[in-house]
Amino acid sequence: MDKKNLSPLELLKIATEHAYCAQHLLHNNAEVAGMRHEISDALAPITSLMYTAFELTLKAYLLHEHKKINQPLRLMELVELNSDLEISNQDRQMIKTLAKSQAFRKGLDYELWEDRQHFQVFCSEILAVYERLQHLMPIELHPHYQ
């Protein structure tokens, strides 16, 4: 089995697919019907999808700029390495909150939201931040440019 490095465009395609899935879940009231018709909350999976979308997008930009990615980086480290994208402070704060929302991977919970409604609003807002990030990308990385 051969291993190959993905191009920035391939990374962006995967990132965009993750964001589309998150958007789809959010438009379905962030709920998923199980096999026995039980309803499961999809807000945490939405944040996981968006975390991956941001991570891959920021890595794609670094690779596009011919910068090496030697070790796994945290999301905020990727934001800092991409400082030339000029992500607004408000969007940086949203991305930082997104990163904190993934603390469950380490068995932690920061209790970031008062209730499900606040969590759902955050998910909607983080999708908007991702859309703004897409507009900051160089034209060569836009799918319609190809």
Foldseek 3Di string as FASTA:
>chain_A
DDDDDDALLVLLVQLVVLLVVLVVCLVVVQWDQDPVRDIDGRLLVSLVSNLSSLQSNLVNLCVVVVHDDDDDDQSLVSCVVVCVLVQDPVLSVLNVVSSQSPCVVVPDHPCPDPDPVRSSVSSVVSSVSSVVSVVSGDPVNDPVSD
